Amino acid sequence: GGTTSNSASSGAGGSGVVILKYLTSAINATGGTETTVETSYTISTFTSSGTFEITSGSGSVQYVVVAGGASGGAGGNSAGTDYGCGGGGAGGFLTGTKSMSSVTYTFTIGAGGVAVSPNSAGNDGNNSVFDDVISTAGGGGCGTTNALKNGRNGGSGGGATRAGTAGTGVSTTQDD
């Protein structure tokens, strides 16, 4: 997730990513940045939304799906006389294995939460989705007012706080 400051805008949350690993001799596919590992596996890395197309073959595909992290909350004023706020929570991540065949699979890479101006709570990140796998975004950090003092729940972590209740991580399990 993003960072926080007591005198300026917060830090933005990081974007998500999808990483796939499959046996090169079993699956011929296109999409993402491809890297060959262990001489017989291909790893496809996706940092922007798009498609993964299996042009021939079928088999097991291991995946890691990471959601966008949240931005931190921003402190009170440009003079630095108010306290800082909590950082944003990390985006959730899911791992697993799917049996896949010749078809085009779509995915969405979750953007990180946008940085905020002083006296504002952080923005949540965005979910990342690969086929039917949905990874939950991180929760935004607290703001400085009582109404904004709590961090929000999120994927791998909720937003932090200085005076309220911190957000918690949301369970992100996937059954295959």
C-alpha atoms as a PDB file:
ATOM      1  CA  GLY A   1       0.000   0.000   0.000  1.00  0.00           C
ATOM      2  CA  GLY A   2       0.846   3.687  -0.077  1.00  0.00           C
ATOM      3  CA  THR A   3       2.674   5.765   2.493  1.00  0.00           C
ATOM      4  CA  THR A   4       1.494   8.739   4.480  1.00  0.00           C
ATOM      5  CA  SER A   5       2.764  12.137   5.526  1.00  0.00           C
ATOM      6  CA  ASN A   6       1.688  14.769   8.013  1.00  0.00           C
ATOM      7  CA  SER A   7       2.221  17.697   5.686  1.00  0.00           C
ATOM      8  CA  ALA A   8       1.527  16.682   2.109  1.00  0.00           C
ATOM      9  CA  SER A   9      -0.384  14.374  -0.148  1.00  0.00           C
ATOM     10  CA  SER A  10      -0.221  10.679   0.595  1.00  0.00           C
ATOM     11  CA  GLY A  11       1.608   8.054  -1.410  1.00  0.00           C
ATOM     12  CA  ALA A  12      -0.291   6.136  -4.083  1.00  0.00           C
ATOM     13  CA  GLY A  13      -0.809   2.391  -3.801  1.00  0.00           C
ATOM     14  CA  GLY A  14       1.032   0.015  -6.114  1.00  0.00           C
ATOM     15  CA  SER A  15      -0.667  -1.702  -9.056  1.00  0.00           C
ATOM     16  CA  GLY A  16      -1.493  -5.389  -9.123  1.00  0.00           C
ATOM     17  CA  VAL A  17       0.010  -8.123 -11.280  1.00  0.00           C
ATOM     18  CA  VAL A  18      -0.903 -11.557 -12.680  1.00  0.00           C
ATOM     19  CA  ILE A  19       1.806 -14.215 -13.100  1.00  0.00           C
ATOM     20  CA  LEU A  20       1.199 -17.561 -14.835  1.00  0.00           C
ATOM     21  CA  LYS A  21       3.528 -20.595 -15.064  1.00  0.00           C
ATOM     22  CA  TYR A  22       2.940 -23.556 -17.388  1.00  0.00           C
ATOM     23  CA  LEU A  23       4.754 -26.450 -19.047  1.00  0.00           C
ATOM     24  CA  THR A  24       6.023 -25.184 -22.411  1.00  0.00           C
ATOM     25  CA  SER A  25       5.693 -28.602 -24.109  1.00  0.00           C
ATOM     26  CA  ALA A  26       1.996 -28.915 -23.116  1.00  0.00           C
ATOM     27  CA  ILE A  27       0.703 -25.400 -23.777  1.00  0.00           C
ATOM     28  CA  ASN A  28       1.358 -22.935 -26.573  1.00  0.00           C
ATOM     29  CA  ALA A  29       0.090 -19.512 -25.486  1.00  0.00           C
ATOM     30  CA  THR A  30       0.410 -15.788 -26.114  1.00  0.00           C
ATOM     31  CA  GLY A  31       0.140 -12.802 -23.827  1.00  0.00           C
ATOM     32  CA  GLY A  32       2.198 -10.987 -21.253  1.00  0.00           C
ATOM     33  CA  THR A  33       5.959 -10.830 -20.924  1.00  0.00           C
ATOM     34  CA  GLU A  34       7.237 -14.385 -21.361  1.00  0.00           C
ATOM     35  CA  THR A  35      10.277 -15.865 -19.630  1.00  0.00           C
ATOM     36  CA  THR A  36      11.543 -19.459 -19.896  1.00  0.00           C
ATOM     37  CA  VAL A  37      12.588 -21.034 -16.592  1.00  0.00           C
ATOM     38  CA  GLU A  38      13.991 -24.440 -15.659  1.00  0.00           C
ATOM     39  CA  THR A  39      14.274 -25.053 -19.453  1.00  0.00           C
ATOM     40  CA  SER A  40      10.736 -26.467 -19.683  1.00  0.00           C
ATOM     41  CA  TYR A  41       8.397 -23.878 -18.162  1.00  0.00           C
ATOM     42  CA  THR A  42       7.140 -20.524 -19.378  1.00  0.00           C
ATOM     43  CA  ILE A  43       6.252 -17.707 -17.019  1.00  0.00           C
ATOM     44  CA  SER A  44       3.914 -15.044 -18.405  1.00  0.00           C
ATOM     45  CA  THR A  45       3.771 -11.776 -16.430  1.00  0.00           C
ATOM     46  CA  PHE A  46       0.939  -9.282 -16.918  1.00  0.00           C
ATOM     47  CA  THR A  47       1.157  -5.719 -15.585  1.00  0.00           C
ATOM     48  CA  SER A  48      -1.791  -4.308 -17.538  1.00  0.00           C
ATOM     49  CA  SER A  49      -5.241  -5.707 -18.311  1.00  0.00           C
ATOM     50  CA  GLY A  50      -5.677  -7.899 -21.373  1.00  0.00           C
ATOM     51  CA  THR A  51      -5.902 -11.515 -22.488  1.00  0.00           C
ATOM     52  CA  PHE A  52      -4.014 -14.797 -22.200  1.00  0.00           C
ATOM     53  CA  GLU A  53      -4.703 -17.007 -25.204  1.00  0.00           C
ATOM     54  CA  ILE A  54      -3.898 -20.716 -25.290  1.00  0.00           C
ATOM     55  CA  THR A  55      -3.528 -21.336 -29.020  1.00  0.00           C
ATOM     56  CA  SER A  56      -2.970 -25.097 -28.698  1.00  0.00           C
ATOM     57  CA  GLY A  57      -2.660 -27.734 -26.009  1.00  0.00           C
ATOM     58  CA  SER A  58      -3.956 -27.934 -22.470  1.00  0.00           C
ATOM     59  CA  GLY A  59      -2.667 -28.533 -18.985  1.00  0.00           C
ATOM     60  CA  SER A  60      -2.125 -27.133 -15.527  1.00  0.00           C
ATOM     61  CA  VAL A  61      -1.371 -23.441 -15.135  1.00  0.00           C
ATOM     62  CA  GLN A  62      -0.080 -22.109 -11.823  1.00  0.00           C
ATOM     63  CA  TYR A  63      -1.154 -18.563 -11.057  1.00  0.00           C
ATOM     64  CA  VAL A  64      -0.464 -15.665  -8.713  1.00  0.00           C
ATOM     65  CA  VAL A  65      -3.046 -12.862  -8.800  1.00  0.00           C
ATOM     66  CA  VAL A  66      -2.187  -9.691  -6.841  1.00  0.00           C
ATOM     67  CA  ALA A  67      -4.653  -6.806  -6.372  1.00  0.00           C
ATOM     68  CA  GLY A  68      -3.797  -3.111  -6.231  1.00  0.00           C
ATOM     69  CA  GLY A  69      -2.625  -1.626  -2.935  1.00  0.00           C
ATOM     70  CA  ALA A  70      -4.390   1.301  -1.282  1.00  0.00           C
ATOM     71  CA  SER A  71      -3.083   4.826  -0.854  1.00  0.00           C
ATOM     72  CA  GLY A  72      -2.200   6.173   2.559  1.00  0.00           C
ATOM     73  CA  GLY A  73      -4.256   8.824   4.340  1.00  0.00           C
ATOM     74  CA  ALA A  74      -2.925  12.390   4.324  1.00  0.00           C
ATOM     75  CA  GLY A  75      -2.204  14.579   7.321  1.00  0.00           C
ATOM     76  CA  GLY A  76      -3.658  17.905   8.300  1.00  0.00           C
ATOM     77  CA  ASN A  77      -1.933  20.860   6.720  1.00  0.00           C
ATOM     78  CA  SER A  78       1.033  22.099   4.763  1.00  0.00           C
ATOM     79  CA  ALA A  79       2.565  23.680   7.901  1.00  0.00           C
ATOM     80  CA  GLY A  80       3.079  20.194   9.325  1.00  0.00           C
ATOM     81  CA  THR A  81       1.294  21.019  12.585  1.00  0.00           C
ATOM     82  CA  ASP A  82      -1.155  18.117  12.412  1.00  0.00           C
ATOM     83  CA  TYR A  83      -0.417  14.432  12.757  1.00  0.00           C
ATOM     84  CA  GLY A  84       0.136  12.060   9.893  1.00  0.00           C
ATOM     85  CA  CYS A  85      -2.259   9.258   9.138  1.00  0.00           C
ATOM     86  CA  GLY A  86      -2.120   5.568   8.368  1.00  0.00           C
ATOM     87  CA  GLY A  87      -0.559   3.930   5.351  1.00  0.00           C
ATOM     88  CA  GLY A  88      -2.681   2.025   2.849  1.00  0.00           C
ATOM     89  CA  GLY A  89      -3.139  -1.739   3.024  1.00  0.00           C
ATOM     90  CA  ALA A  90      -1.489  -4.175   0.643  1.00  0.00           C
ATOM     91  CA  GLY A  91      -3.518  -5.693  -2.175  1.00  0.00           C
ATOM     92  CA  GLY A  92      -4.621  -9.283  -1.633  1.00  0.00           C
ATOM     93  CA  PHE A  93      -2.992 -12.153  -3.455  1.00  0.00           C
ATOM     94  CA  LEU A  94      -4.199 -15.581  -4.502  1.00  0.00           C
ATOM     95  CA  THR A  95      -2.185 -18.565  -5.687  1.00  0.00           C
ATOM     96  CA  GLY A  96      -3.348 -21.838  -7.131  1.00  0.00           C
ATOM     97  CA  THR A  97      -3.452 -24.121 -10.152  1.00  0.00           C
ATOM     98  CA  LYS A  98      -6.091 -24.214 -12.899  1.00  0.00           C
ATOM     99  CA  SER A  99      -6.642 -26.788 -15.622  1.00  0.00           C
ATOM    100  CA  MET A 100      -6.780 -24.762 -18.831  1.00  0.00           C
ATOM    101  CA  SER A 101      -7.336 -25.504 -22.524  1.00  0.00           C
ATOM    102  CA  SER A 102      -7.373 -23.752 -25.895  1.00  0.00           C
ATOM    103  CA  VAL A 103      -9.377 -20.592 -25.301  1.00  0.00           C
ATOM    104  CA  THR A 104      -8.823 -16.905 -24.570  1.00  0.00           C
ATOM    105  CA  TYR A 105      -8.877 -15.899 -20.899  1.00  0.00           C
ATOM    106  CA  THR A 106      -9.358 -12.286 -19.852  1.00  0.00           C
ATOM    107  CA  PHE A 107      -7.879 -10.572 -16.830  1.00  0.00           C
ATOM    108  CA  THR A 108      -7.958  -7.198 -15.140  1.00  0.00           C
ATOM    109  CA  ILE A 109      -4.968  -5.728 -13.321  1.00  0.00           C
ATOM    110  CA  GLY A 110      -6.118  -3.706 -10.316  1.00  0.00           C
ATOM    111  CA  ALA A 111      -4.729  -0.183 -10.137  1.00  0.00           C
ATOM    112  CA  GLY A 112      -3.335   1.144  -6.880  1.00  0.00           C
ATOM    113  CA  GLY A 113      -5.323   3.659  -4.849  1.00  0.00           C
ATOM    114  CA  VAL A 114      -4.825   7.245  -5.995  1.00  0.00           C
ATOM    115  CA  ALA A 115      -2.855   9.545  -3.653  1.00  0.00           C
ATOM    116  CA  VAL A 116      -4.947  12.021  -1.650  1.00  0.00           C
ATOM    117  CA  SER A 117      -4.539  15.639  -0.541  1.00  0.00           C
ATOM    118  CA  PRO A 118      -4.223  16.763   3.123  1.00  0.00           C
ATOM    119  CA  ASN A 119      -7.035  15.889   5.568  1.00  0.00           C
ATOM    120  CA  SER A 120      -8.220  12.955   3.457  1.00  0.00           C
ATOM    121  CA  ALA A 121      -8.553   9.229   3.982  1.00  0.00           C
ATOM    122  CA  GLY A 122      -6.645   7.031   1.538  1.00  0.00           C
ATOM    123  CA  ASN A 123      -8.315   5.448  -1.472  1.00  0.00           C
ATOM    124  CA  ASP A 124      -8.792   1.697  -1.734  1.00  0.00           C
ATOM    125  CA  GLY A 125      -6.890  -0.137  -4.440  1.00  0.00           C
ATOM    126  CA  ASN A 126      -8.724  -2.098  -7.143  1.00  0.00           C
ATOM    127  CA  ASN A 127      -9.332  -5.832  -7.443  1.00  0.00           C
ATOM    128  CA  SER A 128      -7.345  -7.963  -9.874  1.00  0.00           C
ATOM    129  CA  VAL A 129      -9.231 -10.684 -11.763  1.00  0.00           C
ATOM    130  CA  PHE A 130      -7.971 -13.663 -13.784  1.00  0.00           C
ATOM    131  CA  ASP A 131     -10.742 -15.810 -15.278  1.00  0.00           C
ATOM    132  CA  ASP A 132     -12.844 -16.647 -12.168  1.00  0.00           C
ATOM    133  CA  VAL A 133     -10.112 -15.769  -9.638  1.00  0.00           C
ATOM    134  CA  ILE A 134     -10.711 -12.435  -7.868  1.00  0.00           C
ATOM    135  CA  SER A 135      -8.064 -10.948  -5.582  1.00  0.00           C
ATOM    136  CA  THR A 136      -9.321  -8.241  -3.192  1.00  0.00           C
ATOM    137  CA  ALA A 137      -7.766  -4.754  -3.179  1.00  0.00           C
ATOM    138  CA  GLY A 138      -6.016  -3.157  -0.196  1.00  0.00           C
ATOM    139  CA  GLY A 139      -7.939  -0.852   2.174  1.00  0.00           C
ATOM    140  CA  GLY A 140      -7.210   2.877   2.393  1.00  0.00           C
ATOM    141  CA  GLY A 141      -5.427   4.497   5.334  1.00  0.00           C
ATOM    142  CA  CYS A 142      -7.136   6.831   7.799  1.00  0.00           C
ATOM    143  CA  GLY A 143      -7.634  10.577   7.500  1.00  0.00           C
ATOM    144  CA  THR A 144      -7.242  13.187  10.247  1.00  0.00           C
ATOM    145  CA  THR A 145     -10.861  13.976  11.175  1.00  0.00           C
ATOM    146  CA  ASN A 146     -12.972  11.813  13.509  1.00  0.00           C
ATOM    147  CA  ALA A 147     -15.173  10.782  10.591  1.00  0.00           C
ATOM    148  CA  LEU A 148     -12.104   9.497   8.710  1.00  0.00           C
ATOM    149  CA  LYS A 149     -10.041   8.136  11.626  1.00  0.00           C
ATOM    150  CA  ASN A 150     -10.457   4.428  10.854  1.00  0.00           C
ATOM    151  CA  GLY A 151      -8.512   2.489   8.248  1.00  0.00           C
ATOM    152  CA  ARG A 152     -10.605   0.394   5.825  1.00  0.00           C
ATOM    153  CA  ASN A 153     -10.535  -3.373   5.384  1.00  0.00           C
ATOM    154  CA  GLY A 154      -8.724  -4.782   2.357  1.00  0.00           C
ATOM    155  CA  GLY A 155      -7.059  -7.760   0.687  1.00  0.00           C
ATOM    156  CA  SER A 156      -3.750  -8.663   2.333  1.00  0.00           C
ATOM    157  CA  GLY A 157      -4.096  -5.743   4.714  1.00  0.00           C
ATOM    158  CA  GLY A 158      -6.340  -2.965   5.805  1.00  0.00           C
ATOM    159  CA  GLY A 159      -5.454   0.678   6.104  1.00  0.00           C
ATOM    160  CA  ALA A 160      -3.522   1.818   9.159  1.00  0.00           C
ATOM    161  CA  THR A 161      -4.620   4.436  11.665  1.00  0.00           C
ATOM    162  CA  ARG A 162      -3.126   6.667  14.332  1.00  0.00           C
ATOM    163  CA  ALA A 163      -6.182   7.115  16.569  1.00  0.00           C
ATOM    164  CA  GLY A 164      -9.022   4.867  15.364  1.00  0.00           C
ATOM    165  CA  THR A 165      -9.384   1.244  14.349  1.00  0.00           C
ATOM    166  CA  ALA A 166      -7.055  -0.246  11.754  1.00  0.00           C
ATOM    167  CA  GLY A 167      -8.598  -2.081   8.842  1.00  0.00           C
ATOM    168  CA  THR A 168      -8.089  -5.841   8.676  1.00  0.00           C
ATOM    169  CA  GLY A 169      -7.097  -8.193   5.906  1.00  0.00           C
ATOM    170  CA  VAL A 170      -9.985  -9.880   4.144  1.00  0.00           C
ATOM    171  CA  SER A 171      -9.828 -13.617   3.588  1.00  0.00           C
ATOM    172  CA  THR A 172      -8.780 -14.278   0.009  1.00  0.00           C
ATOM    173  CA  THR A 173      -9.127 -17.989  -0.686  1.00  0.00           C
ATOM    174  CA  GLN A 174      -9.758 -19.674  -3.992  1.00  0.00           C
ATOM    175  CA  ASP A 175     -11.098 -23.178  -4.551  1.00  0.00           C
ATOM    176  CA  ASP A 176     -10.081 -24.850  -7.780  1.00  0.00           C
END
